[in-house]
Amino acid sequence: MKTLETVQRRFTKWFAGLRHLSYERRLEALDLFSLSRRRRRGDLIEAYKILMDVPNGALLKLSETANLRGHTLKLVKDRVGTRLGMSPIATRVVDDWNRLPDEVIAANSTADFKRGLDMVWTRVFEEGGD
């Protein structure tokens, strides 16, 4: 992942007028996301698809506690001594998923979820501490 990010950093410098800008500004100018953000975004989209299309409990476990803050589809982190028994997406996505506001989680379609996720990304994940 780090090597791929290095390639993207170098590539964004090739565009006229962008060489002097920071990596984040170059991504902004080119309307691109960092690879780590793309992975996190992809994980959240997959979690949405899993929770909406697959019977609960297949890969992700919903919280049974009703008095939690935020939306009603909170996920639980399984407490296991080893990561072997856990799905890679389940280990990566829980904290990010639980930080999403209800209006994003309540999307009627994957396209609406993606749109909502992009609209709140900065507020939820960057301004709120990443």
Protein backbone atom coordinates (compact mmCIF):
# COMPACT_ATOMS: atom_id res chain seq x y z
CA MET A 1 0.00 0.00 0.00
CA LYS A 2 2.81 2.39 0.89
CA THR A 3 4.55 1.75 -2.45
CA LEU A 4 1.34 2.40 -4.35
CA GLU A 5 0.80 5.66 -2.44
CA THR A 6 4.38 6.70 -3.33
CA VAL A 7 3.63 6.10 -7.01
CA GLN A 8 0.46 8.20 -6.75
CA ARG A 9 2.40 11.00 -5.00
CA ARG A 10 4.97 11.08 -7.82
CA PHE A 11 2.38 10.82 -10.57
CA THR A 12 0.40 13.82 -9.29
CA LYS A 13 3.53 15.98 -9.63
CA TRP A 14 3.59 15.43 -13.40
CA PHE A 15 0.62 17.72 -14.03
CA ALA A 16 1.43 21.28 -15.06
CA GLY A 17 1.21 23.76 -12.21
CA LEU A 18 0.84 21.15 -9.47
CA ARG A 19 4.47 20.32 -8.67
CA HIS A 20 4.76 23.07 -6.04
CA LEU A 21 1.57 22.05 -4.21
CA SER A 22 1.38 19.65 -1.27
CA TYR A 23 0.22 16.10 -1.98
CA GLU A 24 -3.18 16.81 -0.41
CA ARG A 25 -3.65 19.94 -2.57
CA ARG A 26 -2.62 18.03 -5.71
CA LEU A 27 -5.22 15.36 -4.93
CA GLU A 28 -7.81 18.08 -4.40
CA ALA A 29 -6.91 19.79 -7.70
CA LEU A 30 -7.18 16.48 -9.56
CA ASP A 31 -10.38 15.50 -7.74
CA LEU A 32 -8.74 12.35 -6.32
CA PHE A 33 -8.69 10.70 -2.89
CA SER A 34 -5.67 9.29 -1.09
CA LEU A 35 -5.38 5.52 -1.30
CA SER A 36 -6.01 5.12 2.42
CA ARG A 37 -9.24 7.12 2.10
CA ARG A 38 -10.28 5.07 -0.93
CA ARG A 39 -9.75 1.86 1.04
CA ARG A 40 -11.71 3.11 4.05
CA ARG A 41 -14.50 4.37 1.77
CA GLY A 42 -14.58 1.03 -0.05
CA ASP A 43 -14.77 -0.85 3.25
CA LEU A 44 -17.72 1.27 4.39
CA ILE A 45 -19.53 0.73 1.09
CA GLU A 46 -18.98 -3.03 1.37
CA ALA A 47 -20.25 -2.96 4.97
CA TYR A 48 -23.40 -1.17 3.78
CA LYS A 49 -23.94 -3.78 1.07
CA ILE A 50 -23.38 -6.63 3.52
CA LEU A 51 -25.78 -5.22 6.10
CA MET A 52 -28.48 -4.49 3.53
CA ASP A 53 -28.21 -7.63 1.39
CA VAL A 54 -26.87 -10.48 3.52
CA PRO A 55 -28.52 -11.92 6.62
CA ASN A 56 -27.09 -10.21 9.70
CA GLY A 57 -24.23 -11.99 11.35
CA ALA A 58 -22.62 -13.37 8.20
CA LEU A 59 -19.55 -11.12 8.29
CA LEU A 60 -20.51 -8.21 10.52
CA LYS A 61 -22.31 -8.37 13.85
CA LEU A 62 -24.96 -5.79 14.80
CA SER A 63 -25.08 -4.50 18.36
CA GLU A 64 -27.98 -5.84 20.40
CA THR A 65 -27.91 -2.81 22.73
CA ALA A 66 -30.68 -0.35 21.89
CA ASN A 67 -29.54 2.62 23.98
CA LEU A 68 -26.49 3.61 21.95
CA ARG A 69 -25.84 7.10 20.63
CA GLY A 70 -26.02 7.61 16.90
CA HIS A 71 -27.70 5.35 14.39
CA THR A 72 -29.44 2.05 15.10
CA LEU A 73 -27.13 -0.14 12.99
CA LYS A 74 -24.08 -0.01 15.28
CA LEU A 75 -21.57 -2.81 14.79
CA VAL A 76 -19.86 -4.81 17.52
CA LYS A 77 -16.16 -5.59 17.54
CA ASP A 78 -15.71 -9.25 18.31
CA ARG A 79 -13.28 -9.81 21.13
CA VAL A 80 -11.02 -12.59 19.98
CA GLY A 81 -7.48 -13.42 20.96
CA THR A 82 -6.44 -13.83 17.36
CA ARG A 83 -7.40 -12.15 14.12
CA LEU A 84 -7.58 -15.49 12.30
CA GLY A 85 -11.26 -15.93 13.05
CA MET A 86 -12.27 -12.47 11.90
CA SER A 87 -13.02 -11.17 8.45
CA PRO A 88 -10.53 -8.48 7.35
CA ILE A 89 -13.38 -6.07 6.65
CA ALA A 90 -14.85 -6.70 10.10
CA THR A 91 -11.59 -5.71 11.77
CA ARG A 92 -11.17 -2.53 9.71
CA VAL A 93 -14.65 -1.11 9.34
CA VAL A 94 -16.35 -1.18 12.76
CA ASP A 95 -15.03 2.09 14.23
CA ASP A 96 -15.57 4.05 11.00
CA TRP A 97 -19.06 2.59 10.51
CA ASN A 98 -20.13 3.45 14.06
CA ARG A 99 -19.06 7.09 13.55
CA LEU A 100 -21.37 7.60 10.57
CA PRO A 101 -24.48 9.73 11.09
CA ASP A 102 -27.94 8.19 10.82
CA GLU A 103 -28.79 10.02 7.58
CA VAL A 104 -25.95 8.19 5.81
CA ILE A 105 -26.76 4.77 7.28
CA ALA A 106 -30.45 5.16 6.40
CA ALA A 107 -29.70 5.47 2.67
CA ASN A 108 -32.15 3.69 0.38
CA SER A 109 -29.53 2.53 -2.11
CA THR A 110 -25.81 2.00 -2.44
CA ALA A 111 -25.59 5.09 -4.67
CA ASP A 112 -27.33 7.19 -1.99
CA PHE A 113 -25.01 5.73 0.65
CA LYS A 114 -21.93 6.66 -1.41
CA ARG A 115 -23.25 10.18 -2.00
CA GLY A 116 -24.03 10.65 1.70
CA LEU A 117 -20.67 9.22 2.72
CA ASP A 118 -18.82 11.64 0.46
CA MET A 119 -20.87 14.56 1.80
CA VAL A 120 -19.99 13.87 5.47
CA TRP A 121 -16.46 12.47 5.05
CA THR A 122 -14.53 15.60 6.02
CA ARG A 123 -16.79 16.40 8.98
CA VAL A 124 -16.83 12.85 10.37
CA PHE A 125 -13.35 11.52 9.66
CA GLU A 126 -11.02 14.48 9.14
CA GLU A 127 -12.31 17.30 11.32
CA GLY A 128 -13.44 14.91 14.06
CA GLY A 129 -9.97 13.43 14.38
CA ASP A 130 -8.76 10.62 12.21
